[in-house]
Amino acid sequence: MSNNYLSFDVGTALFGSSSTNWSTPLDVGRLIGIIVSNAVYIAGFLLLVIFLYGGFSIISGAGQSNPQKAAQGKQAATSAAIGFLIIFIAYWIIKLLEIIFHFTIL
């Protein structure tokens, strides 16, 4: 009896099919869809990491009476939020274009 609790099929997770034929090249639309759909997840992870860095910088700067370090942490958190907002808006613009023109981008 095997325990497959932590295993998953990478082909299904990334490409939507476990029987991906690797000998044929991906078309451009499908490749862009894969990159963009995974970029949203990567952007969310980076947002979390940069928010944590910014929060720790703000806290440690305030604790050490170092306003420059606190300002640097605040700038990092603000930049992360703006960057994620841009990616979020771009994603929903693409979804809106899919609805308007009745074709699949992502």
Protein backbone atom coordinates (compact mmCIF):
# COMPACT_ATOMS: atom_id res chain seq x y z
CA MET A 1 0.00 0.00 0.00
CA SER A 2 1.53 3.32 -1.03
CA ASN A 3 0.90 6.66 0.61
CA ASN A 4 0.30 9.23 -2.13
CA TYR A 5 -0.91 12.01 0.12
CA LEU A 6 1.78 14.47 -0.93
CA SER A 7 2.10 13.55 -4.59
CA PHE A 8 0.50 15.19 -7.58
CA ASP A 9 0.88 15.10 -11.34
CA VAL A 10 2.99 18.05 -12.50
CA GLY A 11 1.65 17.77 -16.06
CA THR A 12 -1.91 18.17 -14.85
CA ALA A 13 -1.00 21.03 -12.51
CA LEU A 14 0.87 23.08 -15.12
CA PHE A 15 -0.68 22.09 -18.44
CA GLY A 16 -4.13 20.79 -17.54
CA SER A 17 -3.41 17.32 -18.93
CA SER A 18 -1.28 14.48 -17.64
CA SER A 19 -0.72 13.11 -21.14
CA THR A 20 1.20 16.06 -22.55
CA ASN A 21 3.08 15.11 -25.70
CA TRP A 22 6.52 16.64 -25.22
CA SER A 23 7.59 15.93 -28.81
CA THR A 24 5.22 18.57 -30.22
CA PRO A 25 5.91 22.22 -29.42
CA LEU A 26 3.46 24.33 -27.47
CA ASP A 27 1.56 26.96 -29.40
CA VAL A 28 2.17 30.58 -28.39
CA GLY A 29 -1.25 31.17 -26.86
CA ARG A 30 -1.06 28.10 -24.65
CA LEU A 31 2.50 28.94 -23.56
CA ILE A 32 1.52 32.49 -22.63
CA GLY A 33 -1.51 31.15 -20.76
CA ILE A 34 0.69 28.80 -18.73
CA ILE A 35 3.18 31.55 -17.89
CA VAL A 36 0.53 34.11 -16.95
CA SER A 37 -1.58 31.74 -14.87
CA ASN A 38 1.49 30.66 -12.92
CA ALA A 39 2.78 34.26 -12.71
CA VAL A 40 -0.24 35.19 -10.61
CA TYR A 41 0.70 32.52 -8.07
CA ILE A 42 4.35 33.57 -8.10
CA ALA A 43 3.33 37.22 -7.68
CA GLY A 44 1.18 36.29 -4.68
CA PHE A 45 4.07 34.43 -3.07
CA LEU A 46 6.47 37.34 -3.74
CA LEU A 47 3.90 39.74 -2.29
CA LEU A 48 3.85 37.70 0.92
CA VAL A 49 7.66 37.58 1.13
CA ILE A 50 8.10 41.31 0.48
CA PHE A 51 5.32 42.20 2.93
CA LEU A 52 7.04 40.11 5.60
CA TYR A 53 10.37 41.78 4.84
CA GLY A 54 8.78 45.23 4.93
CA GLY A 55 6.95 44.49 8.17
CA PHE A 56 10.07 43.21 9.89
CA SER A 57 12.01 46.24 8.65
CA ILE A 58 9.38 48.62 9.98
CA ILE A 59 9.25 46.88 13.35
CA SER A 60 13.01 46.60 13.75
CA GLY A 61 13.54 50.18 12.55
CA ALA A 62 11.03 51.48 15.07
CA GLY A 63 12.55 49.35 17.84
CA GLN A 64 16.07 50.61 17.10
CA SER A 65 14.91 54.21 16.63
CA ASN A 66 16.12 54.03 13.03
CA PRO A 67 13.67 55.99 10.90
CA GLN A 68 15.63 55.23 7.71
CA LYS A 69 15.15 51.47 8.13
CA ALA A 70 11.47 51.95 8.97
CA ALA A 71 11.01 54.10 5.86
CA GLN A 72 12.80 51.46 3.76
CA GLY A 73 10.40 48.78 5.05
CA LYS A 74 7.41 51.00 4.37
CA GLN A 75 8.66 51.64 0.83
CA ALA A 76 9.11 47.87 0.23
CA ALA A 77 5.57 47.11 1.45
CA THR A 78 4.10 49.93 -0.65
CA SER A 79 5.98 48.81 -3.77
CA ALA A 80 4.83 45.21 -3.27
CA ALA A 81 1.21 46.31 -2.93
CA ILE A 82 1.38 48.49 -6.05
CA GLY A 83 3.06 45.73 -8.06
CA PHE A 84 0.47 43.16 -7.02
CA LEU A 85 -2.33 45.60 -7.80
CA ILE A 86 -0.95 46.04 -11.33
CA ILE A 87 -0.82 42.26 -11.85
CA PHE A 88 -4.31 41.83 -10.38
CA ILE A 89 -5.78 44.50 -12.67
CA ALA A 90 -3.99 43.06 -15.72
CA TYR A 91 -5.40 39.61 -14.93
CA TRP A 92 -8.96 40.93 -14.74
CA ILE A 93 -8.54 42.99 -17.93
CA ILE A 94 -7.55 39.77 -19.70
CA LYS A 95 -10.58 37.99 -18.23
CA LEU A 96 -12.83 40.85 -19.35
CA LEU A 97 -11.40 40.64 -22.89
CA GLU A 98 -12.13 36.91 -22.89
CA ILE A 99 -15.77 37.59 -22.02
CA ILE A 100 -16.16 40.43 -24.55
CA PHE A 101 -14.51 38.69 -27.51
CA HIS A 102 -15.54 35.10 -26.64
CA PHE A 103 -12.13 33.46 -26.85
CA THR A 104 -9.78 31.96 -24.31
CA ILE A 105 -6.49 33.66 -23.47
CA LEU A 106 -5.75 32.07 -20.10
